[in-house]
Amino acid sequence: MLLVIVGMIIGFVLLYKGGDFLVTGAAGIARKKNIPAFIIGITLVAFGTSAPELFFNLISALHGNAEFALSNVSGSNLINLCVGIGISAMITALPIKREVFAKDLLFLFMGPLLILIFVTVSGRNALTLIHGLFLFVGFAGYLFWTNREMIRHNRKLPKSDQACMDVSCKREWGIFFLGGVMLYVGGEIIFRNALTIVEILQISESIVGLTVIAVGTSIPDCAASIIAVFKKQKDIAIGNILGSNIFNIFLVLAATIVAFNEPIFFNQSNLFDYLSVFILSFLFFIVVITRQSYGPVLGFLTLAYYPLSLLVRILCFG
């Protein structure tokens, strides 16, 4: 047990420094290339911190375990919002301008809503290859829209300040990738040691996926955003969580469906998990659209949403 605890500590150290490097590298790239911080957050940082979910789900799908994969995505999205946004907002109020993040907020709650619609109207309570391909199309549309935003931003800049491809960012890219590797390794170490603890406690697969695995794969996302807040990079912190949750639905889950190559059936507990993600995402959308700020009180309530939803899930579905 002592080795497990030591492993967890090493994992957390790697996550802390990895998040520090990832944010530092991303902020440096944004500064040199004149790319808005929020775009860096919803693309580079979000993809880097979503890599653990992607790798884990593909491995699970190829081994024929869809339960872990489904619970990992829903659990990760809940934890990203509850812990990543919740703790960040408790540290300092987050200014979330709707004109900047409108697209991302829309995709944020549309993702879980689409999953619920797909499963409900399929008549089989399942996600199929068609649904996976549809999600891929949505992901391509999201990237296209983001690219248009960056082009519009650059056009508004003076020619001397426009993004220049000759500017060398080798050092910044090196720091960014090193941070991503450290985040992945740290999350993997924590995940494996946590699984050892869970095996001793004999917990069901869906609960393991919703808690231990989701926590293990979400720690990079949350760590990067919380560190970004401390480094005064609030747009990166916000963009990372929004982008990560969008990537998890439209890329990670889509890739899982395609890799599984068979219908992925939902049970009542899976439906509850994605309904819970949708409710939280929609409430977050409404608050941001009306207030354009997320303060400490809302952060605390958001953080409390995860254990409450988990308790309801366990009491109702076991």
C-alpha atoms as a PDB file:
ATOM      1  CA  MET A   1       0.000   0.000   0.000  1.00  0.00           C
ATOM      2  CA  LEU A   2       2.953   2.310   0.709  1.00  0.00           C
ATOM      3  CA  LEU A   3       4.148   1.934  -2.899  1.00  0.00           C
ATOM      4  CA  VAL A   4       0.685   2.884  -4.141  1.00  0.00           C
ATOM      5  CA  ILE A   5       0.693   6.074  -2.054  1.00  0.00           C
ATOM      6  CA  VAL A   6       4.212   6.965  -3.252  1.00  0.00           C
ATOM      7  CA  GLY A   7       3.077   6.360  -6.839  1.00  0.00           C
ATOM      8  CA  MET A   8       0.099   8.683  -6.361  1.00  0.00           C
ATOM      9  CA  ILE A   9       2.371  11.436  -4.997  1.00  0.00           C
ATOM     10  CA  ILE A  10       4.751  11.099  -7.966  1.00  0.00           C
ATOM     11  CA  GLY A  11       1.760  11.240 -10.321  1.00  0.00           C
ATOM     12  CA  PHE A  12       0.455  14.450  -8.750  1.00  0.00           C
ATOM     13  CA  VAL A  13       3.897  16.079  -8.965  1.00  0.00           C
ATOM     14  CA  LEU A  14       4.097  15.196 -12.670  1.00  0.00           C
ATOM     15  CA  LEU A  15       0.609  16.600 -13.221  1.00  0.00           C
ATOM     16  CA  TYR A  16       1.430  19.860 -11.483  1.00  0.00           C
ATOM     17  CA  LYS A  17       4.644  20.463 -13.425  1.00  0.00           C
ATOM     18  CA  GLY A  18       3.094  19.139 -16.639  1.00  0.00           C
ATOM     19  CA  GLY A  19       0.211  21.581 -16.362  1.00  0.00           C
ATOM     20  CA  ASP A  20       2.701  24.373 -15.663  1.00  0.00           C
ATOM     21  CA  PHE A  21       4.749  23.536 -18.782  1.00  0.00           C
ATOM     22  CA  LEU A  22       1.680  23.039 -20.985  1.00  0.00           C
ATOM     23  CA  VAL A  23       0.216  26.430 -20.096  1.00  0.00           C
ATOM     24  CA  THR A  24       3.607  28.183 -20.329  1.00  0.00           C
ATOM     25  CA  GLY A  25       4.283  26.710 -23.778  1.00  0.00           C
ATOM     26  CA  ALA A  26       0.778  27.440 -25.062  1.00  0.00           C
ATOM     27  CA  ALA A  27       0.858  31.030 -23.790  1.00  0.00           C
ATOM     28  CA  GLY A  28       4.254  31.522 -25.452  1.00  0.00           C
ATOM     29  CA  ILE A  29       2.975  30.218 -28.796  1.00  0.00           C
ATOM     30  CA  ALA A  30      -0.100  32.450 -28.560  1.00  0.00           C
ATOM     31  CA  ARG A  31       2.048  35.486 -27.803  1.00  0.00           C
ATOM     32  CA  LYS A  32       4.555  34.914 -30.621  1.00  0.00           C
ATOM     33  CA  LYS A  33       1.949  33.976 -33.242  1.00  0.00           C
ATOM     34  CA  ASN A  34      -0.589  36.604 -32.159  1.00  0.00           C
ATOM     35  CA  ILE A  35      -3.183  33.890 -31.590  1.00  0.00           C
ATOM     36  CA  PRO A  36      -5.941  34.716 -29.044  1.00  0.00           C
ATOM     37  CA  ALA A  37      -5.442  32.878 -25.747  1.00  0.00           C
ATOM     38  CA  PHE A  38      -8.983  31.451 -25.829  1.00  0.00           C
ATOM     39  CA  ILE A  39      -8.293  29.763 -29.196  1.00  0.00           C
ATOM     40  CA  ILE A  40      -5.085  28.242 -27.820  1.00  0.00           C
ATOM     41  CA  GLY A  41      -7.132  27.016 -24.852  1.00  0.00           C
ATOM     42  CA  ILE A  42      -9.905  25.372 -26.874  1.00  0.00           C
ATOM     43  CA  THR A  43      -7.472  23.762 -29.347  1.00  0.00           C
ATOM     44  CA  LEU A  44      -3.873  23.065 -28.308  1.00  0.00           C
ATOM     45  CA  VAL A  45      -4.347  22.833 -24.541  1.00  0.00           C
ATOM     46  CA  ALA A  46      -7.721  21.084 -24.792  1.00  0.00           C
ATOM     47  CA  PHE A  47      -6.410  18.456 -27.213  1.00  0.00           C
ATOM     48  CA  GLY A  48      -3.271  17.909 -25.135  1.00  0.00           C
ATOM     49  CA  THR A  49      -5.219  17.353 -21.927  1.00  0.00           C
ATOM     50  CA  SER A  50      -7.872  15.194 -23.677  1.00  0.00           C
ATOM     51  CA  ALA A  51      -5.266  12.768 -24.982  1.00  0.00           C
ATOM     52  CA  PRO A  52      -5.588  10.413 -21.944  1.00  0.00           C
ATOM     53  CA  GLU A  53      -9.346  10.010 -22.570  1.00  0.00           C
ATOM     54  CA  LEU A  54      -8.733   9.349 -26.257  1.00  0.00           C
ATOM     55  CA  PHE A  55      -6.027   6.733 -25.711  1.00  0.00           C
ATOM     56  CA  PHE A  56      -7.877   4.996 -22.888  1.00  0.00           C
ATOM     57  CA  ASN A  57     -11.174   4.827 -24.801  1.00  0.00           C
ATOM     58  CA  LEU A  58      -9.573   3.507 -27.988  1.00  0.00           C
ATOM     59  CA  ILE A  59      -7.796   0.784 -25.997  1.00  0.00           C
ATOM     60  CA  SER A  60     -11.060  -0.075 -24.196  1.00  0.00           C
ATOM     61  CA  ALA A  61     -13.009  -0.188 -27.473  1.00  0.00           C
ATOM     62  CA  LEU A  62     -10.428  -2.405 -29.175  1.00  0.00           C
ATOM     63  CA  HIS A  63     -10.613  -4.773 -26.187  1.00  0.00           C
ATOM     64  CA  GLY A  64     -14.413  -4.840 -26.444  1.00  0.00           C
ATOM     65  CA  ASN A  65     -15.112  -2.928 -23.227  1.00  0.00           C
ATOM     66  CA  ALA A  66     -17.622  -0.198 -24.024  1.00  0.00           C
ATOM     67  CA  GLU A  67     -18.788   0.278 -20.432  1.00  0.00           C
ATOM     68  CA  PHE A  68     -15.491   1.777 -19.315  1.00  0.00           C
ATOM     69  CA  ALA A  69     -15.403   4.001 -22.420  1.00  0.00           C
ATOM     70  CA  LEU A  70     -18.941   5.382 -21.977  1.00  0.00           C
ATOM     71  CA  SER A  71     -18.471   6.081 -18.269  1.00  0.00           C
ATOM     72  CA  ASN A  72     -15.052   7.631 -18.866  1.00  0.00           C
ATOM     73  CA  VAL A  73     -16.435  10.280 -21.233  1.00  0.00           C
ATOM     74  CA  SER A  74     -19.458  11.197 -19.088  1.00  0.00           C
ATOM     75  CA  GLY A  75     -17.400  11.131 -15.883  1.00  0.00           C
ATOM     76  CA  SER A  76     -14.573  13.172 -17.417  1.00  0.00           C
ATOM     77  CA  ASN A  77     -16.961  15.852 -18.667  1.00  0.00           C
ATOM     78  CA  LEU A  78     -18.608  16.099 -15.253  1.00  0.00           C
ATOM     79  CA  ILE A  79     -15.275  16.329 -13.451  1.00  0.00           C
ATOM     80  CA  ASN A  80     -13.883  18.863 -15.938  1.00  0.00           C
ATOM     81  CA  LEU A  81     -16.770  21.241 -15.277  1.00  0.00           C
ATOM     82  CA  CYS A  82     -17.242  20.512 -11.578  1.00  0.00           C
ATOM     83  CA  VAL A  83     -13.578  20.450 -10.564  1.00  0.00           C
ATOM     84  CA  GLY A  84     -11.831  22.356 -13.367  1.00  0.00           C
ATOM     85  CA  ILE A  85     -14.293  25.250 -13.624  1.00  0.00           C
ATOM     86  CA  GLY A  86     -15.523  24.923 -10.032  1.00  0.00           C
ATOM     87  CA  ILE A  87     -12.122  25.267  -8.343  1.00  0.00           C
ATOM     88  CA  SER A  88     -10.886  27.842 -10.879  1.00  0.00           C
ATOM     89  CA  ALA A  89     -13.926  30.029 -10.170  1.00  0.00           C
ATOM     90  CA  MET A  90     -13.438  29.591  -6.419  1.00  0.00           C
ATOM     91  CA  ILE A  91      -9.874  30.912  -6.788  1.00  0.00           C
ATOM     92  CA  THR A  92     -10.959  33.954  -8.784  1.00  0.00           C
ATOM     93  CA  ALA A  93     -14.030  35.086 -10.727  1.00  0.00           C
ATOM     94  CA  LEU A  94     -13.840  33.952 -14.350  1.00  0.00           C
ATOM     95  CA  PRO A  95     -14.912  36.508 -16.979  1.00  0.00           C
ATOM     96  CA  ILE A  96     -16.529  34.430 -19.732  1.00  0.00           C
ATOM     97  CA  LYS A  97     -17.612  36.723 -22.562  1.00  0.00           C
ATOM     98  CA  ARG A  98     -20.423  35.233 -24.634  1.00  0.00           C
ATOM     99  CA  GLU A  99     -19.174  36.881 -27.830  1.00  0.00           C
ATOM    100  CA  VAL A 100     -15.828  35.092 -27.374  1.00  0.00           C
ATOM    101  CA  PHE A 101     -17.055  31.668 -26.234  1.00  0.00           C
ATOM    102  CA  ALA A 102     -20.527  31.564 -27.876  1.00  0.00           C
ATOM    103  CA  LYS A 103     -19.617  28.739 -30.270  1.00  0.00           C
ATOM    104  CA  ASP A 104     -17.945  26.680 -27.559  1.00  0.00           C
ATOM    105  CA  LEU A 105     -20.806  27.109 -25.091  1.00  0.00           C
ATOM    106  CA  LEU A 106     -23.234  25.963 -27.790  1.00  0.00           C
ATOM    107  CA  PHE A 107     -21.201  22.826 -28.582  1.00  0.00           C
ATOM    108  CA  LEU A 108     -20.694  22.217 -24.850  1.00  0.00           C
ATOM    109  CA  PHE A 109     -24.330  21.368 -24.119  1.00  0.00           C
ATOM    110  CA  MET A 110     -25.241  20.207 -27.625  1.00  0.00           C
ATOM    111  CA  GLY A 111     -22.770  17.308 -27.333  1.00  0.00           C
ATOM    112  CA  PRO A 112     -24.452  15.384 -24.479  1.00  0.00           C
ATOM    113  CA  LEU A 113     -27.876  16.415 -25.822  1.00  0.00           C
ATOM    114  CA  LEU A 114     -27.080  14.781 -29.179  1.00  0.00           C
ATOM    115  CA  ILE A 115     -26.013  11.591 -27.417  1.00  0.00           C
ATOM    116  CA  LEU A 116     -29.313  11.449 -25.515  1.00  0.00           C
ATOM    117  CA  ILE A 117     -31.259  12.089 -28.744  1.00  0.00           C
ATOM    118  CA  PHE A 118     -29.290   9.467 -30.697  1.00  0.00           C
ATOM    119  CA  VAL A 119     -29.815   6.813 -28.041  1.00  0.00           C
ATOM    120  CA  THR A 120     -33.501   7.635 -27.551  1.00  0.00           C
ATOM    121  CA  VAL A 121     -34.537   7.743 -31.220  1.00  0.00           C
ATOM    122  CA  SER A 122     -32.428   4.750 -32.266  1.00  0.00           C
ATOM    123  CA  GLY A 123     -35.067   2.440 -30.807  1.00  0.00           C
ATOM    124  CA  ARG A 124     -32.311   0.157 -29.506  1.00  0.00           C
ATOM    125  CA  ASN A 125     -30.820   2.389 -26.809  1.00  0.00           C
ATOM    126  CA  ALA A 126     -27.544   2.274 -28.695  1.00  0.00           C
ATOM    127  CA  LEU A 127     -24.962   4.396 -30.483  1.00  0.00           C
ATOM    128  CA  THR A 128     -24.083   3.102 -33.952  1.00  0.00           C
ATOM    129  CA  LEU A 129     -21.478   3.799 -36.621  1.00  0.00           C
ATOM    130  CA  ILE A 130     -23.779   6.404 -38.222  1.00  0.00           C
ATOM    131  CA  HIS A 131     -23.874   8.315 -34.943  1.00  0.00           C
ATOM    132  CA  GLY A 132     -20.088   8.161 -34.660  1.00  0.00           C
ATOM    133  CA  LEU A 133     -19.631   9.550 -38.167  1.00  0.00           C
ATOM    134  CA  PHE A 134     -22.173  12.300 -37.450  1.00  0.00           C
ATOM    135  CA  LEU A 135     -20.160  13.320 -34.378  1.00  0.00           C
ATOM    136  CA  PHE A 136     -16.992  13.411 -36.502  1.00  0.00           C
ATOM    137  CA  VAL A 137     -18.749  15.791 -38.910  1.00  0.00           C
ATOM    138  CA  GLY A 138     -19.709  17.981 -35.947  1.00  0.00           C
ATOM    139  CA  PHE A 139     -16.087  17.966 -34.771  1.00  0.00           C
ATOM    140  CA  ALA A 140     -14.867  18.983 -38.234  1.00  0.00           C
ATOM    141  CA  GLY A 141     -17.420  21.820 -38.221  1.00  0.00           C
ATOM    142  CA  TYR A 142     -16.183  22.948 -34.810  1.00  0.00           C
ATOM    143  CA  LEU A 143     -12.560  23.078 -36.018  1.00  0.00           C
ATOM    144  CA  PHE A 144     -13.591  24.899 -39.216  1.00  0.00           C
ATOM    145  CA  TRP A 145     -15.529  27.497 -37.193  1.00  0.00           C
ATOM    146  CA  THR A 146     -12.574  27.956 -34.826  1.00  0.00           C
ATOM    147  CA  ASN A 147     -10.211  28.445 -37.762  1.00  0.00           C
ATOM    148  CA  ARG A 148     -12.525  31.118 -39.200  1.00  0.00           C
ATOM    149  CA  GLU A 149     -12.435  32.920 -35.845  1.00  0.00           C
ATOM    150  CA  MET A 150      -8.636  32.944 -35.895  1.00  0.00           C
ATOM    151  CA  ILE A 151      -8.565  34.259 -39.479  1.00  0.00           C
ATOM    152  CA  ARG A 152     -11.009  37.060 -38.570  1.00  0.00           C
ATOM    153  CA  HIS A 153      -8.881  37.931 -35.551  1.00  0.00           C
ATOM    154  CA  ASN A 154      -5.693  38.159 -37.625  1.00  0.00           C
ATOM    155  CA  ARG A 155      -7.345  40.328 -40.255  1.00  0.00           C
ATOM    156  CA  LYS A 156      -8.144  42.937 -37.611  1.00  0.00           C
ATOM    157  CA  LEU A 157      -4.490  43.217 -36.578  1.00  0.00           C
ATOM    158  CA  PRO A 158      -2.014  45.638 -38.149  1.00  0.00           C
ATOM    159  CA  LYS A 159       0.123  43.923 -40.792  1.00  0.00           C
ATOM    160  CA  SER A 160       3.173  44.153 -38.551  1.00  0.00           C
ATOM    161  CA  ASP A 161       1.323  42.222 -35.816  1.00  0.00           C
ATOM    162  CA  GLN A 162      -0.307  39.566 -37.972  1.00  0.00           C
ATOM    163  CA  ALA A 163       0.637  35.977 -37.259  1.00  0.00           C
ATOM    164  CA  CYS A 164       3.892  35.225 -39.035  1.00  0.00           C
ATOM    165  CA  MET A 165       4.897  31.658 -39.832  1.00  0.00           C
ATOM    166  CA  ASP A 166       8.631  32.596 -39.782  1.00  0.00           C
ATOM    167  CA  VAL A 167       8.561  33.283 -36.034  1.00  0.00           C
ATOM    168  CA  SER A 168      10.321  30.393 -34.367  1.00  0.00           C
ATOM    169  CA  CYS A 169       8.398  28.737 -31.550  1.00  0.00           C
ATOM    170  CA  LYS A 170      10.597  25.667 -31.177  1.00  0.00           C
ATOM    171  CA  ARG A 171      11.276  26.318 -27.517  1.00  0.00           C
ATOM    172  CA  GLU A 172       7.590  26.977 -26.765  1.00  0.00           C
ATOM    173  CA  TRP A 173       6.494  23.876 -28.693  1.00  0.00           C
ATOM    174  CA  GLY A 174       9.101  21.831 -26.830  1.00  0.00           C
ATOM    175  CA  ILE A 175       7.815  23.047 -23.466  1.00  0.00           C
ATOM    176  CA  PHE A 176       4.216  22.429 -24.579  1.00  0.00           C
ATOM    177  CA  PHE A 177       4.851  18.824 -25.674  1.00  0.00           C
ATOM    178  CA  LEU A 178       6.957  18.089 -22.588  1.00  0.00           C
ATOM    179  CA  GLY A 179       4.049  19.320 -20.462  1.00  0.00           C
ATOM    180  CA  GLY A 180       1.624  17.117 -22.397  1.00  0.00           C
ATOM    181  CA  VAL A 181       3.811  14.038 -21.896  1.00  0.00           C
ATOM    182  CA  MET A 182       4.172  14.766 -18.178  1.00  0.00           C
ATOM    183  CA  LEU A 183       0.408  15.205 -17.848  1.00  0.00           C
ATOM    184  CA  TYR A 184      -0.234  11.908 -19.601  1.00  0.00           C
ATOM    185  CA  VAL A 185       2.366   9.987 -17.573  1.00  0.00           C
ATOM    186  CA  GLY A 186       1.189  11.555 -14.329  1.00  0.00           C
ATOM    187  CA  GLY A 187      -2.448  10.732 -15.080  1.00  0.00           C
ATOM    188  CA  GLU A 188      -1.483   7.178 -16.054  1.00  0.00           C
ATOM    189  CA  ILE A 189       0.447   6.642 -12.811  1.00  0.00           C
ATOM    190  CA  ILE A 190      -2.426   7.937 -10.694  1.00  0.00           C
ATOM    191  CA  PHE A 191      -4.947   5.912 -12.694  1.00  0.00           C
ATOM    192  CA  ARG A 192      -3.055   2.621 -12.331  1.00  0.00           C
ATOM    193  CA  ASN A 193      -2.456   3.062  -8.617  1.00  0.00           C
ATOM    194  CA  ALA A 194      -6.068   4.096  -8.054  1.00  0.00           C
ATOM    195  CA  LEU A 195      -7.230   0.980  -9.904  1.00  0.00           C
ATOM    196  CA  THR A 196      -5.167  -1.118  -7.516  1.00  0.00           C
ATOM    197  CA  ILE A 197      -7.022   0.441  -4.599  1.00  0.00           C
ATOM    198  CA  VAL A 198     -10.401  -0.055  -6.320  1.00  0.00           C
ATOM    199  CA  GLU A 199      -9.700  -3.718  -7.032  1.00  0.00           C
ATOM    200  CA  ILE A 200      -9.235  -4.268  -3.322  1.00  0.00           C
ATOM    201  CA  LEU A 201     -12.573  -2.543  -2.626  1.00  0.00           C
ATOM    202  CA  GLN A 202     -14.424  -4.523  -5.363  1.00  0.00           C
ATOM    203  CA  ILE A 203     -16.328  -1.707  -7.114  1.00  0.00           C
ATOM    204  CA  SER A 204     -18.414  -2.188 -10.308  1.00  0.00           C
ATOM    205  CA  GLU A 205     -17.036  -1.320 -13.777  1.00  0.00           C
ATOM    206  CA  SER A 206     -19.415   1.573 -14.422  1.00  0.00           C
ATOM    207  CA  ILE A 207     -18.648   3.188 -11.075  1.00  0.00           C
ATOM    208  CA  VAL A 208     -14.916   2.660 -11.674  1.00  0.00           C
ATOM    209  CA  GLY A 209     -15.256   4.307 -15.086  1.00  0.00           C
ATOM    210  CA  LEU A 210     -17.286   7.206 -13.710  1.00  0.00           C
ATOM    211  CA  THR A 211     -14.940   7.851 -10.799  1.00  0.00           C
ATOM    212  CA  VAL A 212     -11.408   6.409 -10.820  1.00  0.00           C
ATOM    213  CA  ILE A 213     -10.856   6.278 -14.586  1.00  0.00           C
ATOM    214  CA  ALA A 214     -12.644   9.581 -15.203  1.00  0.00           C
ATOM    215  CA  VAL A 215     -10.640  11.236 -12.437  1.00  0.00           C
ATOM    216  CA  GLY A 216      -7.375   9.765 -13.752  1.00  0.00           C
ATOM    217  CA  THR A 217      -7.986  10.992 -17.311  1.00  0.00           C
ATOM    218  CA  SER A 218      -9.455  14.348 -16.206  1.00  0.00           C
ATOM    219  CA  ILE A 219      -6.707  15.381 -13.815  1.00  0.00           C
ATOM    220  CA  PRO A 220      -4.597  16.799 -16.706  1.00  0.00           C
ATOM    221  CA  ASP A 221      -7.539  18.959 -17.871  1.00  0.00           C
ATOM    222  CA  CYS A 222      -8.302  20.263 -14.389  1.00  0.00           C
ATOM    223  CA  ALA A 223      -4.645  20.719 -13.438  1.00  0.00           C
ATOM    224  CA  ALA A 224      -3.920  22.722 -16.612  1.00  0.00           C
ATOM    225  CA  SER A 225      -6.904  25.038 -16.034  1.00  0.00           C
ATOM    226  CA  ILE A 226      -6.256  25.612 -12.341  1.00  0.00           C
ATOM    227  CA  ILE A 227      -2.576  26.364 -13.020  1.00  0.00           C
ATOM    228  CA  ALA A 228      -3.606  28.666 -15.885  1.00  0.00           C
ATOM    229  CA  VAL A 229      -5.735  30.659 -13.418  1.00  0.00           C
ATOM    230  CA  PHE A 230      -2.767  31.043 -11.065  1.00  0.00           C
ATOM    231  CA  LYS A 231      -0.678  32.207 -14.042  1.00  0.00           C
ATOM    232  CA  LYS A 232      -3.322  34.841 -14.918  1.00  0.00           C
ATOM    233  CA  GLN A 233      -4.243  33.036 -18.157  1.00  0.00           C
ATOM    234  CA  LYS A 234      -8.006  32.884 -17.549  1.00  0.00           C
ATOM    235  CA  ASP A 235      -8.994  32.518 -21.209  1.00  0.00           C
ATOM    236  CA  ILE A 236      -6.735  29.461 -21.508  1.00  0.00           C
ATOM    237  CA  ALA A 237      -8.244  28.020 -18.315  1.00  0.00           C
ATOM    238  CA  ILE A 238     -11.810  28.459 -19.591  1.00  0.00           C
ATOM    239  CA  GLY A 239     -11.045  27.444 -23.172  1.00  0.00           C
ATOM    240  CA  ASN A 240      -9.269  24.284 -22.017  1.00  0.00           C
ATOM    241  CA  ILE A 241     -12.286  22.943 -20.112  1.00  0.00           C
ATOM    242  CA  LEU A 242     -14.807  23.892 -22.799  1.00  0.00           C
ATOM    243  CA  GLY A 243     -12.587  22.492 -25.554  1.00  0.00           C
ATOM    244  CA  SER A 244     -11.822  19.300 -23.609  1.00  0.00           C
ATOM    245  CA  ASN A 245     -15.510  18.544 -23.045  1.00  0.00           C
ATOM    246  CA  ILE A 246     -16.263  19.204 -26.721  1.00  0.00           C
ATOM    247  CA  PHE A 247     -13.343  16.998 -27.796  1.00  0.00           C
ATOM    248  CA  ASN A 248     -14.530  14.223 -25.442  1.00  0.00           C
ATOM    249  CA  ILE A 249     -17.947  14.019 -27.112  1.00  0.00           C
ATOM    250  CA  PHE A 250     -17.227  14.882 -30.741  1.00  0.00           C
ATOM    251  CA  LEU A 251     -13.787  13.233 -31.059  1.00  0.00           C
ATOM    252  CA  VAL A 252     -13.140  10.747 -28.237  1.00  0.00           C
ATOM    253  CA  LEU A 253     -16.637   9.211 -28.143  1.00  0.00           C
ATOM    254  CA  ALA A 254     -16.895   9.284 -31.949  1.00  0.00           C
ATOM    255  CA  ALA A 255     -13.557   7.478 -32.270  1.00  0.00           C
ATOM    256  CA  THR A 256     -14.701   4.977 -29.619  1.00  0.00           C
ATOM    257  CA  ILE A 257     -17.874   4.157 -31.573  1.00  0.00           C
ATOM    258  CA  VAL A 258     -15.934   3.648 -34.809  1.00  0.00           C
ATOM    259  CA  ALA A 259     -13.208   1.563 -33.113  1.00  0.00           C
ATOM    260  CA  PHE A 260     -15.775  -0.611 -31.294  1.00  0.00           C
ATOM    261  CA  ASN A 261     -17.321  -1.393 -34.702  1.00  0.00           C
ATOM    262  CA  GLU A 262     -20.585  -2.584 -33.126  1.00  0.00           C
ATOM    263  CA  PRO A 263     -23.577  -0.807 -31.578  1.00  0.00           C
ATOM    264  CA  ILE A 264     -22.745   0.463 -28.088  1.00  0.00           C
ATOM    265  CA  PHE A 265     -25.771  -0.184 -25.906  1.00  0.00           C
ATOM    266  CA  PHE A 266     -26.808   2.168 -23.111  1.00  0.00           C
ATOM    267  CA  ASN A 267     -28.387   1.063 -19.838  1.00  0.00           C
ATOM    268  CA  GLN A 268     -30.366   3.290 -17.485  1.00  0.00           C
ATOM    269  CA  SER A 269     -27.285   4.293 -15.511  1.00  0.00           C
ATOM    270  CA  ASN A 270     -25.450   5.382 -18.689  1.00  0.00           C
ATOM    271  CA  LEU A 271     -28.450   7.494 -19.711  1.00  0.00           C
ATOM    272  CA  PHE A 272     -28.515   9.106 -16.274  1.00  0.00           C
ATOM    273  CA  ASP A 273     -24.795   9.930 -16.536  1.00  0.00           C
ATOM    274  CA  TYR A 274     -25.173  11.732 -19.878  1.00  0.00           C
ATOM    275  CA  LEU A 275     -28.364  13.441 -18.700  1.00  0.00           C
ATOM    276  CA  SER A 276     -26.405  14.701 -15.698  1.00  0.00           C
ATOM    277  CA  VAL A 277     -23.679  16.050 -18.002  1.00  0.00           C
ATOM    278  CA  PHE A 278     -26.295  17.759 -20.184  1.00  0.00           C
ATOM    279  CA  ILE A 279     -28.054  19.393 -17.220  1.00  0.00           C
ATOM    280  CA  LEU A 280     -24.813  20.798 -15.812  1.00  0.00           C
ATOM    281  CA  SER A 281     -23.593  21.946 -19.252  1.00  0.00           C
ATOM    282  CA  PHE A 282     -26.920  23.649 -20.009  1.00  0.00           C
ATOM    283  CA  LEU A 283     -27.027  25.383 -16.615  1.00  0.00           C
ATOM    284  CA  PHE A 284     -23.450  26.575 -17.168  1.00  0.00           C
ATOM    285  CA  PHE A 285     -24.479  27.872 -20.608  1.00  0.00           C
ATOM    286  CA  ILE A 286     -27.461  29.787 -19.180  1.00  0.00           C
ATOM    287  CA  VAL A 287     -25.427  31.344 -16.351  1.00  0.00           C
ATOM    288  CA  VAL A 288     -22.613  32.462 -18.655  1.00  0.00           C
ATOM    289  CA  ILE A 289     -24.981  33.866 -21.295  1.00  0.00           C
ATOM    290  CA  THR A 290     -26.865  35.904 -18.686  1.00  0.00           C
ATOM    291  CA  ARG A 291     -24.016  36.901 -16.335  1.00  0.00           C
ATOM    292  CA  GLN A 292     -20.825  36.586 -18.425  1.00  0.00           C
ATOM    293  CA  SER A 293     -18.965  35.861 -15.195  1.00  0.00           C
ATOM    294  CA  TYR A 294     -18.480  32.807 -13.006  1.00  0.00           C
ATOM    295  CA  GLY A 295     -17.640  33.663  -9.403  1.00  0.00           C
ATOM    296  CA  PRO A 296     -16.654  31.766  -6.217  1.00  0.00           C
ATOM    297  CA  VAL A 297     -20.231  30.975  -5.111  1.00  0.00           C
ATOM    298  CA  LEU A 298     -21.126  29.485  -8.490  1.00  0.00           C
ATOM    299  CA  GLY A 299     -17.779  27.692  -8.454  1.00  0.00           C
ATOM    300  CA  PHE A 300     -18.599  26.066  -5.110  1.00  0.00           C
ATOM    301  CA  LEU A 301     -22.074  25.011  -6.304  1.00  0.00           C
ATOM    302  CA  THR A 302     -20.556  23.570  -9.479  1.00  0.00           C
ATOM    303  CA  LEU A 303     -17.957  21.643  -7.469  1.00  0.00           C
ATOM    304  CA  ALA A 304     -20.718  20.245  -5.222  1.00  0.00           C
ATOM    305  CA  TYR A 305     -22.694  19.025  -8.267  1.00  0.00           C
ATOM    306  CA  TYR A 306     -20.343  16.064  -8.899  1.00  0.00           C
ATOM    307  CA  PRO A 307     -20.619  14.282  -5.521  1.00  0.00           C
ATOM    308  CA  LEU A 308     -24.366  14.970  -5.428  1.00  0.00           C
ATOM    309  CA  SER A 309     -24.963  13.529  -8.911  1.00  0.00           C
ATOM    310  CA  LEU A 310     -22.725  10.578  -8.075  1.00  0.00           C
ATOM    311  CA  LEU A 311     -24.685   9.917  -4.870  1.00  0.00           C
ATOM    312  CA  VAL A 312     -28.017  10.008  -6.747  1.00  0.00           C
ATOM    313  CA  ARG A 313     -26.579   7.713  -9.401  1.00  0.00           C
ATOM    314  CA  ILE A 314     -25.411   5.145  -6.841  1.00  0.00           C
ATOM    315  CA  LEU A 315     -28.653   5.251  -4.838  1.00  0.00           C
ATOM    316  CA  CYS A 316     -30.856   4.909  -7.926  1.00  0.00           C
ATOM    317  CA  PHE A 317     -28.823   2.578 -10.133  1.00  0.00           C
ATOM    318  CA  GLY A 318     -26.234   0.961  -7.882  1.00  0.00           C
END
